[in-house]
Amino acid sequence: QVQLVESGGGLVQPGGSLRLSCAASGSIFSIDAMGWYRQAPGKARELVALIRSGGRTRYADSVKGRFTVSRPNARNTVYLEMNVLKPEDTAVYYCYAATTTTYWGQGTQVTVSS
């Protein structure tokens, strides 16, 4: 079992930055990948970024060059550094961790608005 707790969401103006954090507890040594999905109102949940234990990353095309996912020393915390935020980045952001099962955090709201 893995438990995930997110923090760092909030309201930011267009062009601004936010950093999301997600702390994992439980069977963290079985985690293969961690990352972030998001879900905007009326839309399906979509992958934002993920990082595998070996350090390989994957990003949605819409966030490439603006967002950075990291998991220092492949330990129990994953971060999402978000820069040059746009109104279309507004969504609930969910942390996830993958072992043989996928685990989800409770979600944190990110609102980009002037």
C-alpha atoms as a PDB file:
ATOM      1  CA  GLN A   1       0.000   0.000   0.000  1.00  0.00           C
ATOM      2  CA  VAL A   2       1.113   3.534  -0.800  1.00  0.00           C
ATOM      3  CA  GLN A   3      -0.390   6.732   0.570  1.00  0.00           C
ATOM      4  CA  LEU A   4       0.056  10.055  -1.234  1.00  0.00           C
ATOM      5  CA  VAL A   5      -0.358  13.556   0.160  1.00  0.00           C
ATOM      6  CA  GLU A   6      -0.174  16.571  -2.146  1.00  0.00           C
ATOM      7  CA  SER A   7       0.476  20.204  -1.345  1.00  0.00           C
ATOM      8  CA  GLY A   8       1.250  23.457  -3.128  1.00  0.00           C
ATOM      9  CA  GLY A   9      -1.799  24.291  -5.192  1.00  0.00           C
ATOM     10  CA  GLY A  10      -3.455  27.682  -5.236  1.00  0.00           C
ATOM     11  CA  LEU A  11      -4.341  30.741  -7.259  1.00  0.00           C
ATOM     12  CA  VAL A  12      -1.729  32.306  -9.523  1.00  0.00           C
ATOM     13  CA  GLN A  13      -1.785  34.911 -12.270  1.00  0.00           C
ATOM     14  CA  PRO A  14      -1.032  33.987 -15.884  1.00  0.00           C
ATOM     15  CA  GLY A  15       2.707  33.812 -16.407  1.00  0.00           C
ATOM     16  CA  GLY A  16       3.311  32.907 -12.793  1.00  0.00           C
ATOM     17  CA  SER A  17       4.783  29.831 -11.166  1.00  0.00           C
ATOM     18  CA  LEU A  18       3.784  27.194  -8.636  1.00  0.00           C
ATOM     19  CA  ARG A  19       5.435  24.108  -7.235  1.00  0.00           C
ATOM     20  CA  LEU A  20       3.431  21.055  -6.283  1.00  0.00           C
ATOM     21  CA  SER A  21       4.748  18.452  -3.878  1.00  0.00           C
ATOM     22  CA  CYS A  22       3.602  14.905  -3.239  1.00  0.00           C
ATOM     23  CA  ALA A  23       4.878  12.836  -0.343  1.00  0.00           C
ATOM     24  CA  ALA A  24       4.503   9.085  -0.466  1.00  0.00           C
ATOM     25  CA  SER A  25       4.434   6.771   2.519  1.00  0.00           C
ATOM     26  CA  GLY A  26       4.010   3.058   2.948  1.00  0.00           C
ATOM     27  CA  SER A  27       5.603   0.657   0.469  1.00  0.00           C
ATOM     28  CA  ILE A  28       7.656   3.350  -1.275  1.00  0.00           C
ATOM     29  CA  PHE A  29      10.410   0.964  -2.325  1.00  0.00           C
ATOM     30  CA  SER A  30       7.979  -0.805  -4.628  1.00  0.00           C
ATOM     31  CA  ILE A  31       7.202   2.400  -6.553  1.00  0.00           C
ATOM     32  CA  ASP A  32       8.265   2.279 -10.203  1.00  0.00           C
ATOM     33  CA  ALA A  33       6.948   5.640 -11.365  1.00  0.00           C
ATOM     34  CA  MET A  34       5.479   8.775  -9.839  1.00  0.00           C
ATOM     35  CA  GLY A  35       3.925  11.751 -11.468  1.00  0.00           C
ATOM     36  CA  TRP A  36       0.999  14.043 -11.993  1.00  0.00           C
ATOM     37  CA  TYR A  37      -2.300  13.994 -13.795  1.00  0.00           C
ATOM     38  CA  ARG A  38      -4.834  16.777 -13.974  1.00  0.00           C
ATOM     39  CA  GLN A  39      -8.548  17.103 -14.577  1.00  0.00           C
ATOM     40  CA  ALA A  40     -10.253  20.283 -15.675  1.00  0.00           C
ATOM     41  CA  PRO A  41     -14.032  20.750 -15.318  1.00  0.00           C
ATOM     42  CA  GLY A  42     -15.883  18.754 -17.935  1.00  0.00           C
ATOM     43  CA  LYS A  43     -12.734  17.080 -19.219  1.00  0.00           C
ATOM     44  CA  ALA A  44     -11.098  13.715 -18.789  1.00  0.00           C
ATOM     45  CA  ARG A  45      -8.143  13.230 -16.495  1.00  0.00           C
ATOM     46  CA  GLU A  46      -4.913  13.610 -18.449  1.00  0.00           C
ATOM     47  CA  LEU A  47      -1.264  12.883 -17.883  1.00  0.00           C
ATOM     48  CA  VAL A  48       0.840  15.936 -17.090  1.00  0.00           C
ATOM     49  CA  ALA A  49       4.236  14.466 -16.280  1.00  0.00           C
ATOM     50  CA  LEU A  50       5.784  11.342 -14.873  1.00  0.00           C
ATOM     51  CA  ILE A  51       9.206  10.175 -13.792  1.00  0.00           C
ATOM     52  CA  ARG A  52      10.357   6.588 -13.580  1.00  0.00           C
ATOM     53  CA  SER A  53      12.749   5.146 -11.022  1.00  0.00           C
ATOM     54  CA  GLY A  54      15.602   5.300 -13.527  1.00  0.00           C
ATOM     55  CA  GLY A  55      14.982   9.001 -14.065  1.00  0.00           C
ATOM     56  CA  ARG A  56      13.264   8.877 -17.455  1.00  0.00           C
ATOM     57  CA  THR A  57      10.573  11.523 -17.736  1.00  0.00           C
ATOM     58  CA  ARG A  58       7.513  11.992 -19.893  1.00  0.00           C
ATOM     59  CA  TYR A  59       5.482  15.162 -20.404  1.00  0.00           C
ATOM     60  CA  ALA A  60       2.252  16.148 -22.048  1.00  0.00           C
ATOM     61  CA  ASP A  61       2.949  18.219 -25.155  1.00  0.00           C
ATOM     62  CA  SER A  62       0.999  21.117 -23.669  1.00  0.00           C
ATOM     63  CA  VAL A  63       3.420  21.501 -20.750  1.00  0.00           C
ATOM     64  CA  LYS A  64       6.779  20.697 -22.342  1.00  0.00           C
ATOM     65  CA  GLY A  65       9.306  23.433 -21.682  1.00  0.00           C
ATOM     66  CA  ARG A  66       7.182  24.941 -18.900  1.00  0.00           C
ATOM     67  CA  PHE A  67       6.795  22.162 -16.329  1.00  0.00           C
ATOM     68  CA  THR A  68       9.479  20.030 -14.702  1.00  0.00           C
ATOM     69  CA  VAL A  69       8.893  16.839 -12.744  1.00  0.00           C
ATOM     70  CA  SER A  70      11.518  15.648 -10.283  1.00  0.00           C
ATOM     71  CA  ARG A  71      11.956  12.990  -7.651  1.00  0.00           C
ATOM     72  CA  PRO A  72      15.261  13.625  -5.861  1.00  0.00           C
ATOM     73  CA  ASN A  73      17.233  10.436  -5.221  1.00  0.00           C
ATOM     74  CA  ALA A  74      14.167   8.445  -6.316  1.00  0.00           C
ATOM     75  CA  ARG A  75      12.883   8.793  -2.792  1.00  0.00           C
ATOM     76  CA  ASN A  76       9.391   9.371  -1.488  1.00  0.00           C
ATOM     77  CA  THR A  77       8.628  12.866  -2.760  1.00  0.00           C
ATOM     78  CA  VAL A  78       7.812  13.989  -6.282  1.00  0.00           C
ATOM     79  CA  TYR A  79       7.649  17.625  -7.324  1.00  0.00           C
ATOM     80  CA  LEU A  80       6.065  19.446 -10.218  1.00  0.00           C
ATOM     81  CA  GLU A  81       7.600  22.824 -10.957  1.00  0.00           C
ATOM     82  CA  MET A  82       5.155  24.795 -13.100  1.00  0.00           C
ATOM     83  CA  ASN A  83       6.287  27.967 -14.862  1.00  0.00           C
ATOM     84  CA  VAL A  84       4.679  30.330 -17.351  1.00  0.00           C
ATOM     85  CA  LEU A  85       1.274  29.149 -16.201  1.00  0.00           C
ATOM     86  CA  LYS A  86      -1.681  29.656 -18.496  1.00  0.00           C
ATOM     87  CA  PRO A  87      -5.414  29.796 -17.776  1.00  0.00           C
ATOM     88  CA  GLU A  88      -5.777  26.446 -19.543  1.00  0.00           C
ATOM     89  CA  ASP A  89      -3.570  24.887 -16.872  1.00  0.00           C
ATOM     90  CA  THR A  90      -6.413  25.391 -14.397  1.00  0.00           C
ATOM     91  CA  ALA A  91      -7.400  21.989 -13.045  1.00  0.00           C
ATOM     92  CA  VAL A  92      -7.290  19.672 -10.082  1.00  0.00           C
ATOM     93  CA  TYR A  93      -3.841  18.090 -10.074  1.00  0.00           C
ATOM     94  CA  TYR A  94      -3.517  14.535  -8.823  1.00  0.00           C
ATOM     95  CA  CYS A  95      -0.333  12.849  -7.736  1.00  0.00           C
ATOM     96  CA  TYR A  96       0.011   9.211  -8.650  1.00  0.00           C
ATOM     97  CA  ALA A  97       2.369   6.375  -7.911  1.00  0.00           C
ATOM     98  CA  ALA A  98       2.634   3.117  -9.794  1.00  0.00           C
ATOM     99  CA  THR A  99       3.713  -0.226  -8.433  1.00  0.00           C
ATOM    100  CA  THR A 100       1.753  -3.218  -9.626  1.00  0.00           C
ATOM    101  CA  THR A 101      -1.165  -0.994  -8.614  1.00  0.00           C
ATOM    102  CA  THR A 102      -1.820   2.666  -9.270  1.00  0.00           C
ATOM    103  CA  TYR A 103      -2.328   4.929  -6.269  1.00  0.00           C
ATOM    104  CA  TRP A 104      -3.785   8.452  -6.292  1.00  0.00           C
ATOM    105  CA  GLY A 105      -3.584  11.448  -4.047  1.00  0.00           C
ATOM    106  CA  GLN A 106      -6.620  13.471  -3.038  1.00  0.00           C
ATOM    107  CA  GLY A 107      -5.938  16.231  -5.574  1.00  0.00           C
ATOM    108  CA  THR A 108      -4.959  19.864  -5.244  1.00  0.00           C
ATOM    109  CA  GLN A 109      -6.597  22.754  -7.076  1.00  0.00           C
ATOM    110  CA  VAL A 110      -4.515  24.952  -9.352  1.00  0.00           C
ATOM    111  CA  THR A 111      -6.259  28.060 -10.672  1.00  0.00           C
ATOM    112  CA  VAL A 112      -4.570  30.374 -13.166  1.00  0.00           C
ATOM    113  CA  SER A 113      -6.493  33.600 -13.449  1.00  0.00           C
ATOM    114  CA  SER A 114      -6.001  37.335 -13.395  1.00  0.00           C
END
